[in-house]
Amino acid sequence: MDIAAVTCSCTSLPQGSLHPPSTALAAQAVPVRPMNAAFLDVAVSLIEWLAGNFCHDQDLAGLLEGLGVRLRNAGIAVDRLVLHLLMIDPEIIGRTMAWTYGEAVETVSRLHGFEYGVGGLKSPVRHVLETGAWLSLRGDQATAQDWFLHEVYARHALAERLFVPLMSNNAWIGAICFATSDVAGFSAEDRALFHRILPALRNCIELKALHERGTNLLDTYIGSETGRRILAGHVQRGDVETIEAALMLCDLRNFTGISNRLSGARVLSLLNGYFDQILPAITRHGGEVLKFIGDAVLVSFRGSENPTRNCQAALDAARDALAHLASFTEPDVELRAGIALHYGKASYGNIGSGHRLDFTVIGPDVNLTSRIQGVCAATGQALLVSQRFADLLPQAQPVSIGHHELKGFAEEIELFAPKVV
C-alpha cells in the first residue's frame, strides 16, 4: 500500500478539535524513494533554491510563485499550487494562498468558527494535519465529492489534488497542495520529487510563517509602530522615542459602577462591544493605538507631516466613534464615552525591571490629554480639546468652556468643546 498518497473514501472527519499527529505517525508518512538521475538533479536544484538568498528574501506569495514556475519548468504538470497556513490571530484561523501560472497569487482568509462547520470538518487540510498522511483526491473518483471543496480550486479543472501536511516536530504549520489538470495525475517520480524537496520547503515556509506570526502578534497586542520598534531591537530600558502627534484619550463613562454591578464575564463582553464601536473609527482615520488602559485607549494620529491634517483626522475619528457608540444599545446598560484631544509630544519606551518590561507612553502632553479627559467626565462633555488643538483646527469652531484646574498643572487650562457632529 502506498501510504505516501492515500486516496481516502471516508465521508466524514473526526469531530474533535485539531490535534497534531504523533512524531511516529508523521514520520511513517514520508517513506524514502529512489529517484532517477534527471529527477534527482531537479530535486537538488530546487533544494538549493529553497535554501538560497533569493528565496530567503521572498515573501510567502513570492515563494509560492517561484516554486510553481520552477516545477513547471522542470516538466512537472503543476497547474495549481496552494498553501494552507494555520494562523495565530484573534480574527482568522487560517489563510490560503493559491498560485496558477500567469496569474497573481490569490489569498483567502477563514474566520474563527469555520473549523466547526462542514467546510472545517470535511476539510482535506484538517485530515492531513490530524493523520500526518498525504491525501490524494482525484476528480474522477466519487469519494472526492465527500470532501469540502475550497473556492480556490473550484474554477479549475483539476484531475488530482495532492495534500501534504507541513509539520514541525509535533506542531502544525499548515499544508501544501500540489494540483494538476493532467488526467493521469502525478506520477510516482513526481511524488518522489515532492518528498525529496519537502523538508527544505517546510523549513522555508516555517521561517516565513513564524516571522509573520510574530509580527502579527506584536501588532495585535501592542500596535504596529511599537511592534516595529521592538523587532528593530529597541528592547532595553532607556530606549525611548519621542513623537509629535494629535493625541486622543477615549474613556468609558462609569466603568467602575458597571464593573461593580455586573459579572466579570458580562463586563468583558461589554468592553469588547464598546471597543468594537471605537476602534474601527480610529483605524479608518489613520489612528495608531498606543496603549489600552483598562476601559480607556490612548491613540496617536501622525499620518501626515501637517499638524492640522492630523488634528482633523483625530477629530473625525472622535466624532465617528461617538456616533457609532451612540447607536450601540445593550439591554442592561447604556455605554457612553468621553474623548479628549490634544496636539503635542509623547515619549514611548521600555519600563520595568530585569527581563519583565512593558512598552509605555509618557510625557507632559500625555498627562494633559489624560487630565482633559477627566474634565469630560466632570462636565458631562463628550468631546473636549486643548487650546493647542483648537488653534491648529479653527475651522472646527470649538467653543470655550472656560479655564479649569487640572491636577499636576500649575496654571488653569482653557478647554474647548467642538461640535460632536
Protein backbone atom coordinates (compact mmCIF):
# COMPACT_ATOMS: atom_id res chain seq x y z
CA MET A 1 0.00 0.00 0.00
CA ASP A 2 1.32 3.43 -0.94
CA ILE A 3 0.97 5.36 2.31
CA ALA A 4 2.58 8.40 0.71
CA ALA A 5 -0.61 9.20 -1.17
CA VAL A 6 -3.72 7.72 0.38
CA THR A 7 -6.89 8.04 -1.66
CA CYS A 8 -9.42 8.17 1.17
CA SER A 9 -13.03 7.11 0.75
CA CYS A 10 -14.16 8.45 4.15
CA THR A 11 -17.31 10.53 4.17
CA SER A 12 -16.61 12.32 7.44
CA LEU A 13 -13.77 13.58 9.56
CA PRO A 14 -13.09 13.36 13.31
CA GLN A 15 -15.41 15.72 15.18
CA GLY A 16 -12.90 16.86 17.82
CA SER A 17 -10.54 19.77 17.75
CA LEU A 18 -7.48 19.75 15.52
CA HIS A 19 -4.57 17.83 17.02
CA PRO A 20 -1.13 17.22 15.50
CA PRO A 21 -0.25 13.57 14.90
CA SER A 22 2.42 11.83 16.89
CA THR A 23 6.00 12.07 15.67
CA ALA A 24 5.97 8.37 14.80
CA LEU A 25 2.84 8.70 12.69
CA ALA A 26 4.15 11.76 10.90
CA ALA A 27 7.44 10.02 10.19
CA GLN A 28 5.87 6.96 8.56
CA ALA A 29 4.09 9.22 6.07
CA VAL A 30 7.43 10.11 4.44
CA PRO A 31 9.00 6.95 3.00
CA VAL A 32 12.37 7.13 1.26
CA ARG A 33 12.04 6.65 -2.51
CA PRO A 34 14.63 6.08 -5.19
CA MET A 35 14.82 8.69 -7.95
CA ASN A 36 16.29 8.61 -11.42
CA ALA A 37 19.18 10.92 -12.19
CA ALA A 38 17.12 13.56 -14.01
CA PHE A 39 14.61 13.95 -11.17
CA LEU A 40 17.41 13.91 -8.62
CA ASP A 41 19.06 16.83 -10.41
CA VAL A 42 15.76 18.73 -10.31
CA ALA A 43 15.36 17.99 -6.60
CA VAL A 44 18.88 19.20 -5.81
CA SER A 45 18.32 22.37 -7.82
CA LEU A 46 15.04 23.10 -6.02
CA ILE A 47 16.53 22.42 -2.58
CA GLU A 48 19.44 24.76 -3.35
CA TRP A 49 16.95 27.43 -4.47
CA LEU A 50 14.86 27.00 -1.31
CA ALA A 51 17.97 27.40 0.83
CA GLY A 52 19.37 30.30 -1.17
CA ASN A 53 19.37 34.05 -0.62
CA PHE A 54 16.84 34.85 -3.34
CA CYS A 55 14.20 32.58 -1.83
CA HIS A 56 15.05 33.84 1.65
CA ASP A 57 14.20 37.39 0.57
CA GLN A 58 10.81 36.45 -0.91
CA ASP A 59 7.53 36.66 0.96
CA LEU A 60 5.20 33.65 1.01
CA ALA A 61 3.50 34.70 -2.22
CA GLY A 62 6.86 35.04 -3.94
CA LEU A 63 7.95 31.66 -2.60
CA LEU A 64 4.80 30.00 -3.93
CA GLU A 65 5.14 31.59 -7.35
CA GLY A 66 8.85 30.78 -7.60
CA LEU A 67 8.30 27.14 -6.68
CA GLY A 68 5.38 26.73 -9.07
CA VAL A 69 7.31 28.19 -12.02
CA ARG A 70 10.35 26.04 -11.29
CA LEU A 71 8.30 22.86 -11.02
CA ARG A 72 6.64 23.56 -14.36
CA ASN A 73 9.97 24.40 -15.99
CA ALA A 74 11.20 21.01 -14.77
CA GLY A 75 8.34 19.30 -16.58
CA ILE A 76 6.11 18.69 -13.56
CA ALA A 77 2.48 19.37 -14.51
CA VAL A 78 1.62 21.55 -11.51
CA ASP A 79 -1.34 23.68 -12.57
CA ARG A 80 -2.34 24.91 -9.11
CA LEU A 81 -0.07 25.24 -6.08
CA VAL A 82 -1.87 26.11 -2.85
CA LEU A 83 -0.53 26.87 0.61
CA HIS A 84 -2.92 26.49 3.55
CA LEU A 85 -1.50 28.20 6.66
CA LEU A 86 -2.82 27.98 10.21
CA MET A 87 -2.77 31.37 11.88
CA ILE A 88 -2.41 32.69 15.42
CA ASP A 89 -4.75 35.63 15.06
CA PRO A 90 -7.73 36.95 17.06
CA GLU A 91 -9.93 37.06 13.96
CA ILE A 92 -8.81 34.44 11.44
CA ILE A 93 -7.95 30.78 11.90
CA GLY A 94 -6.31 30.21 8.55
CA ARG A 95 -5.10 31.79 5.35
CA THR A 96 -4.91 30.18 1.92
CA MET A 97 -2.61 31.34 -0.86
CA ALA A 98 -3.09 29.89 -4.34
CA TRP A 99 -0.84 30.15 -7.40
CA THR A 100 -1.57 29.40 -11.05
CA TYR A 101 0.84 30.06 -13.88
CA GLY A 102 0.31 33.51 -15.39
CA GLU A 103 -1.99 34.73 -12.59
CA ALA A 104 -1.46 36.75 -9.43
CA VAL A 105 -1.34 34.78 -6.19
CA GLU A 106 -4.85 34.58 -4.71
CA THR A 107 -5.35 34.93 -0.94
CA VAL A 108 -8.40 33.83 1.08
CA SER A 109 -8.76 34.02 4.88
CA ARG A 110 -11.05 32.00 7.16
CA LEU A 111 -12.57 33.44 10.32
CA HIS A 112 -12.61 31.58 13.62
CA GLY A 113 -15.59 29.26 13.76
CA PHE A 114 -15.09 27.96 10.23
CA GLU A 115 -13.46 24.83 11.66
CA TYR A 116 -16.73 23.79 13.31
CA GLY A 117 -18.79 23.95 10.11
CA VAL A 118 -18.97 21.50 7.23
CA GLY A 119 -16.06 23.22 5.50
CA GLY A 120 -13.82 22.67 8.50
CA LEU A 121 -14.99 19.19 9.48
CA LYS A 122 -14.68 17.81 5.95
CA SER A 123 -11.54 19.70 5.05
CA PRO A 124 -8.72 17.74 3.38
CA VAL A 125 -6.28 20.07 5.14
CA ARG A 126 -7.69 19.13 8.53
CA HIS A 127 -7.43 15.47 7.61
CA VAL A 128 -3.75 15.53 6.65
CA LEU A 129 -2.88 17.54 9.76
CA GLU A 130 -4.68 15.12 12.07
CA THR A 131 -3.30 11.98 10.44
CA GLY A 132 0.10 13.11 9.20
CA ALA A 133 -0.59 11.23 5.95
CA TRP A 134 -0.66 12.61 2.44
CA LEU A 135 -4.08 12.69 0.76
CA SER A 136 -4.76 12.37 -2.95
CA LEU A 137 -8.16 13.46 -4.24
CA ARG A 138 -8.94 12.64 -7.86
CA GLY A 139 -11.74 14.32 -9.73
CA ASP A 140 -12.80 11.07 -11.41
CA GLN A 141 -13.47 9.31 -8.10
CA ALA A 142 -16.87 9.62 -6.42
CA THR A 143 -15.28 9.85 -2.96
CA ALA A 144 -13.75 13.23 -3.87
CA GLN A 145 -17.24 14.71 -3.51
CA ASP A 146 -17.26 13.76 0.18
CA TRP A 147 -14.67 16.42 0.93
CA PHE A 148 -15.11 20.17 1.18
CA LEU A 149 -14.00 21.96 -1.99
CA HIS A 150 -12.23 25.23 -1.22
CA GLU A 151 -13.12 28.04 -3.61
CA VAL A 152 -9.50 28.39 -4.75
CA TYR A 153 -9.92 25.04 -6.53
CA ALA A 154 -13.50 25.40 -7.75
CA ARG A 155 -12.93 27.20 -11.06
CA HIS A 156 -10.02 25.00 -12.09
CA ALA A 157 -10.50 21.66 -13.88
CA LEU A 158 -8.11 19.67 -11.71
CA ALA A 159 -7.68 15.92 -12.15
CA GLU A 160 -5.76 15.42 -8.91
CA ARG A 161 -5.14 17.40 -5.73
CA LEU A 162 -2.34 16.09 -3.53
CA PHE A 163 -2.48 17.47 0.03
CA VAL A 164 0.75 17.32 2.03
CA PRO A 165 0.97 18.23 5.76
CA LEU A 166 3.64 20.68 6.87
CA MET A 167 4.74 19.66 10.36
CA SER A 168 7.45 20.92 12.71
CA ASN A 169 8.03 18.34 15.45
CA ASN A 170 4.55 17.96 16.93
CA ALA A 171 3.34 21.38 15.85
CA TRP A 172 1.44 22.08 12.66
CA ILE A 173 2.29 24.83 10.21
CA GLY A 174 -0.35 24.04 7.61
CA ALA A 175 -0.44 22.09 4.38
CA ILE A 176 0.55 22.48 0.77
CA CYS A 177 -1.42 21.12 -2.16
CA PHE A 178 0.08 20.16 -5.49
CA ALA A 179 -2.69 20.05 -8.11
CA THR A 180 -2.69 19.06 -11.76
CA SER A 181 -5.18 19.06 -14.64
CA ASP A 182 -3.36 16.13 -16.28
CA VAL A 183 -5.88 13.26 -16.32
CA ALA A 184 -3.09 10.83 -15.44
CA GLY A 185 -2.41 12.69 -12.23
CA PHE A 186 1.03 12.83 -10.66
CA SER A 187 3.47 10.06 -11.45
CA ALA A 188 5.50 8.10 -8.90
CA GLU A 189 8.52 10.18 -9.90
CA ASP A 190 6.58 13.40 -9.33
CA ARG A 191 5.64 12.25 -5.83
CA ALA A 192 9.20 11.18 -5.10
CA LEU A 193 10.35 14.67 -6.09
CA PHE A 194 7.79 16.28 -3.77
CA HIS A 195 9.02 14.02 -0.95
CA ARG A 196 12.64 14.95 -1.56
CA ILE A 197 12.10 18.72 -1.50
CA LEU A 198 9.53 18.69 1.32
CA PRO A 199 11.91 19.19 4.31
CA ALA A 200 13.57 22.20 2.66
CA LEU A 201 10.20 23.57 1.56
CA ARG A 202 8.73 23.11 5.05
CA ASN A 203 11.71 24.86 6.67
CA CYS A 204 11.42 27.81 4.31
CA ILE A 205 7.67 28.17 4.83
CA GLU A 206 8.02 27.75 8.60
CA LEU A 207 10.62 30.50 8.85
CA LYS A 208 8.45 32.95 6.92
CA ALA A 209 5.27 31.91 8.76
CA LEU A 210 6.89 32.29 12.18
CA HIS A 211 8.15 35.76 11.31
CA GLU A 212 4.68 36.70 10.09
CA ARG A 213 3.08 35.27 13.23
CA GLY A 214 5.46 37.21 15.46
CA THR A 215 4.82 40.47 13.64
CA ASN A 216 1.08 39.86 13.68
CA LEU A 217 1.00 39.10 17.42
CA LEU A 218 3.01 42.23 18.22
CA ASP A 219 0.64 44.25 16.05
CA THR A 220 -2.35 42.68 17.85
CA TYR A 221 -1.18 43.32 21.39
CA ILE A 222 0.93 46.46 21.24
CA GLY A 223 0.35 48.04 17.82
CA SER A 224 2.26 48.07 14.55
CA GLU A 225 4.54 51.03 15.33
CA THR A 226 5.53 49.73 18.75
CA GLY A 227 5.94 46.23 17.34
CA ARG A 228 8.24 47.60 14.64
CA ARG A 229 10.43 49.21 17.29
CA ILE A 230 10.65 46.01 19.31
CA LEU A 231 11.56 43.91 16.25
CA ALA A 232 14.18 46.54 15.39
CA GLY A 233 15.87 45.79 18.72
CA HIS A 234 14.59 48.56 21.00
CA VAL A 235 14.11 46.23 23.96
CA GLN A 236 16.28 47.73 26.69
CA ARG A 237 15.23 50.08 29.44
CA GLY A 238 16.05 53.61 28.40
CA ASP A 239 15.23 53.04 24.72
CA VAL A 240 12.89 55.99 24.23
CA GLU A 241 11.45 57.61 21.12
CA THR A 242 9.59 60.92 21.10
CA ILE A 243 6.87 61.56 18.55
CA GLU A 244 4.76 64.62 17.77
CA ALA A 245 1.15 63.85 17.02
CA ALA A 246 -2.50 64.57 17.63
CA LEU A 247 -3.28 62.62 20.80
CA MET A 248 -6.61 61.08 21.74
CA LEU A 249 -7.73 59.52 25.00
CA CYS A 250 -11.12 57.81 24.91
CA ASP A 251 -12.56 56.58 28.20
CA LEU A 252 -15.75 54.69 29.01
CA ARG A 253 -18.06 56.55 31.38
CA ASN A 254 -18.99 54.99 34.75
CA PHE A 255 -16.88 51.90 34.21
CA THR A 256 -16.42 51.39 37.96
CA GLY A 257 -20.19 51.40 38.50
CA ILE A 258 -20.71 48.96 35.63
CA SER A 259 -17.99 46.66 36.97
CA ASN A 260 -19.46 46.66 40.48
CA ARG A 261 -22.97 45.90 39.24
CA LEU A 262 -22.38 43.24 36.58
CA SER A 263 -20.50 39.96 36.44
CA GLY A 264 -16.91 39.82 35.19
CA ALA A 265 -17.92 37.91 32.07
CA ARG A 266 -20.61 40.46 31.26
CA VAL A 267 -18.21 43.38 31.81
CA LEU A 268 -15.68 41.83 29.41
CA SER A 269 -18.41 41.32 26.84
CA LEU A 270 -19.47 44.95 27.17
CA LEU A 271 -15.88 46.17 26.90
CA ASN A 272 -15.41 44.23 23.68
CA GLY A 273 -18.65 45.66 22.30
CA TYR A 274 -17.54 49.14 23.32
CA PHE A 275 -14.15 48.81 21.64
CA ASP A 276 -15.85 47.37 18.54
CA GLN A 277 -17.54 50.75 18.14
CA ILE A 278 -14.49 52.88 18.97
CA LEU A 279 -11.50 51.20 17.33
CA PRO A 280 -12.76 50.82 13.74
CA ALA A 281 -13.41 54.56 13.64
CA ILE A 282 -9.89 55.22 14.91
CA THR A 283 -8.35 52.87 12.35
CA ARG A 284 -10.38 54.29 9.46
CA HIS A 285 -8.96 57.75 10.14
CA GLY A 286 -5.35 56.60 10.47
CA GLY A 287 -5.04 56.39 14.23
CA GLU A 288 -2.44 54.20 15.93
CA VAL A 289 -3.39 52.68 19.27
CA LEU A 290 -0.52 53.37 21.65
CA LYS A 291 -1.95 51.85 24.80
CA PHE A 292 -5.03 50.22 26.26
CA ILE A 293 -5.55 51.36 29.85
CA GLY A 294 -8.42 49.28 31.19
CA ASP A 295 -11.53 50.78 29.60
CA ALA A 296 -9.54 53.66 28.04
CA VAL A 297 -7.45 53.79 24.89
CA LEU A 298 -4.63 56.22 24.04
CA VAL A 299 -4.21 56.93 20.33
CA SER A 300 -1.87 58.96 18.14
CA PHE A 301 -2.58 60.48 14.72
CA ARG A 302 0.52 61.34 12.72
CA GLY A 303 -0.10 60.05 9.21
CA SER A 304 0.69 63.45 7.75
CA GLU A 305 3.56 65.87 8.20
CA ASN A 306 0.92 68.59 8.52
CA PRO A 307 -0.25 69.01 12.14
CA THR A 308 -3.60 70.44 11.02
CA ARG A 309 -4.38 67.35 8.96
CA ASN A 310 -3.50 65.10 11.89
CA CYS A 311 -5.81 67.10 14.15
CA GLN A 312 -8.59 66.87 11.59
CA ALA A 313 -8.13 63.10 11.38
CA ALA A 314 -8.31 62.84 15.17
CA LEU A 315 -11.46 64.99 15.32
CA ASP A 316 -13.13 63.00 12.54
CA ALA A 317 -12.27 59.75 14.33
CA ALA A 318 -13.66 61.06 17.62
CA ARG A 319 -16.93 62.14 16.04
CA ASP A 320 -17.22 58.86 14.15
CA ALA A 321 -16.53 56.83 17.29
CA LEU A 322 -19.07 58.73 19.39
CA ALA A 323 -21.72 58.37 16.68
CA HIS A 324 -21.21 54.62 16.49
CA LEU A 325 -21.26 54.28 20.25
CA ALA A 326 -24.50 56.28 20.48
CA SER A 327 -26.21 53.79 18.15
CA PHE A 328 -24.92 50.79 20.13
CA THR A 329 -27.55 49.56 22.57
CA GLU A 330 -27.45 46.94 25.33
CA PRO A 331 -30.42 45.83 27.43
CA ASP A 332 -28.76 46.24 30.83
CA VAL A 333 -26.52 49.29 30.46
CA GLU A 334 -26.01 52.49 28.47
CA LEU A 335 -22.46 52.87 27.19
CA ARG A 336 -21.14 56.39 26.76
CA ALA A 337 -17.60 57.73 26.42
CA GLY A 338 -15.62 60.91 26.90
CA ILE A 339 -12.88 61.83 24.42
CA ALA A 340 -10.01 64.29 24.93
CA LEU A 341 -7.93 65.63 22.04
CA HIS A 342 -4.60 67.45 22.24
CA TYR A 343 -1.63 68.10 19.98
CA GLY A 344 1.83 67.57 21.41
CA LYS A 345 4.68 65.19 22.07
CA ALA A 346 4.72 61.72 23.55
CA SER A 347 7.71 59.63 24.56
CA TYR A 348 7.36 55.90 24.48
CA GLY A 349 9.78 53.23 25.55
CA ASN A 350 10.53 50.42 27.97
CA ILE A 351 9.88 50.46 31.69
CA GLY A 352 10.15 47.61 34.18
CA SER A 353 12.85 45.53 35.80
CA GLY A 354 15.12 42.80 34.56
CA HIS A 355 13.52 40.57 31.96
CA ARG A 356 9.94 41.84 32.53
CA LEU A 357 9.31 45.07 30.65
CA ASP A 358 6.36 47.00 29.31
CA PHE A 359 6.19 49.45 26.45
CA THR A 360 4.52 52.58 27.78
CA VAL A 361 3.79 56.17 26.77
CA ILE A 362 4.70 59.15 28.95
CA GLY A 363 5.20 62.91 28.81
CA PRO A 364 3.56 66.21 29.84
CA ASP A 365 1.31 66.23 26.78
CA VAL A 366 0.13 62.70 27.53
CA ASN A 367 -0.62 63.81 31.10
CA LEU A 368 -2.53 66.83 29.81
CA THR A 369 -4.63 64.68 27.48
CA SER A 370 -5.49 62.44 30.41
CA ARG A 371 -6.50 65.40 32.62
CA ILE A 372 -8.66 66.86 29.85
CA GLN A 373 -10.49 63.57 29.64
CA GLY A 374 -11.16 63.83 33.36
CA VAL A 375 -12.94 67.12 32.71
CA CYS A 376 -15.15 65.34 30.17
CA ALA A 377 -16.43 63.15 32.97
CA ALA A 378 -16.82 66.06 35.41
CA THR A 379 -18.70 68.33 32.98
CA GLY A 380 -20.65 65.73 31.02
CA GLN A 381 -18.99 66.83 27.77
CA ALA A 382 -18.48 64.03 25.27
CA LEU A 383 -15.60 65.73 23.46
CA LEU A 384 -13.08 68.31 24.66
CA VAL A 385 -9.90 69.69 23.08
CA SER A 386 -6.95 71.71 24.29
CA GLN A 387 -6.02 75.27 23.31
CA ARG A 388 -3.20 73.93 21.14
CA PHE A 389 -5.55 71.58 19.31
CA ALA A 390 -8.17 74.32 18.84
CA ASP A 391 -5.56 76.71 17.43
CA LEU A 392 -4.50 74.15 14.84
CA LEU A 393 -8.09 73.48 13.79
CA PRO A 394 -10.01 76.79 13.85
CA GLN A 395 -12.41 75.55 11.17
CA ALA A 396 -13.89 73.19 13.76
CA GLN A 397 -15.18 76.30 15.58
CA PRO A 398 -14.66 74.92 19.08
CA VAL A 399 -16.44 76.80 21.87
CA SER A 400 -14.56 77.63 25.06
CA ILE A 401 -15.95 76.07 28.22
CA GLY A 402 -13.66 78.18 30.38
CA HIS A 403 -10.47 77.60 32.35
CA HIS A 404 -10.12 74.53 34.53
CA GLU A 405 -7.76 73.43 37.25
CA LEU A 406 -6.03 70.26 36.22
CA LYS A 407 -4.17 68.10 38.71
CA GLY A 408 -0.41 68.41 38.29
CA PHE A 409 -0.58 71.66 36.29
CA ALA A 410 0.27 74.97 37.97
CA GLU A 411 -2.00 77.13 35.84
CA GLU A 412 -5.60 76.75 34.83
CA ILE A 413 -6.07 75.37 31.32
CA GLU A 414 -8.67 76.67 28.88
CA LEU A 415 -10.62 73.89 27.22
CA PHE A 416 -12.84 73.86 24.16
CA ALA A 417 -15.83 71.83 23.00
CA PRO A 418 -16.08 71.30 19.24
CA LYS A 419 -19.34 70.16 17.72
CA VAL A 420 -19.73 66.39 18.18
CA VAL A 421 -21.48 66.04 14.80
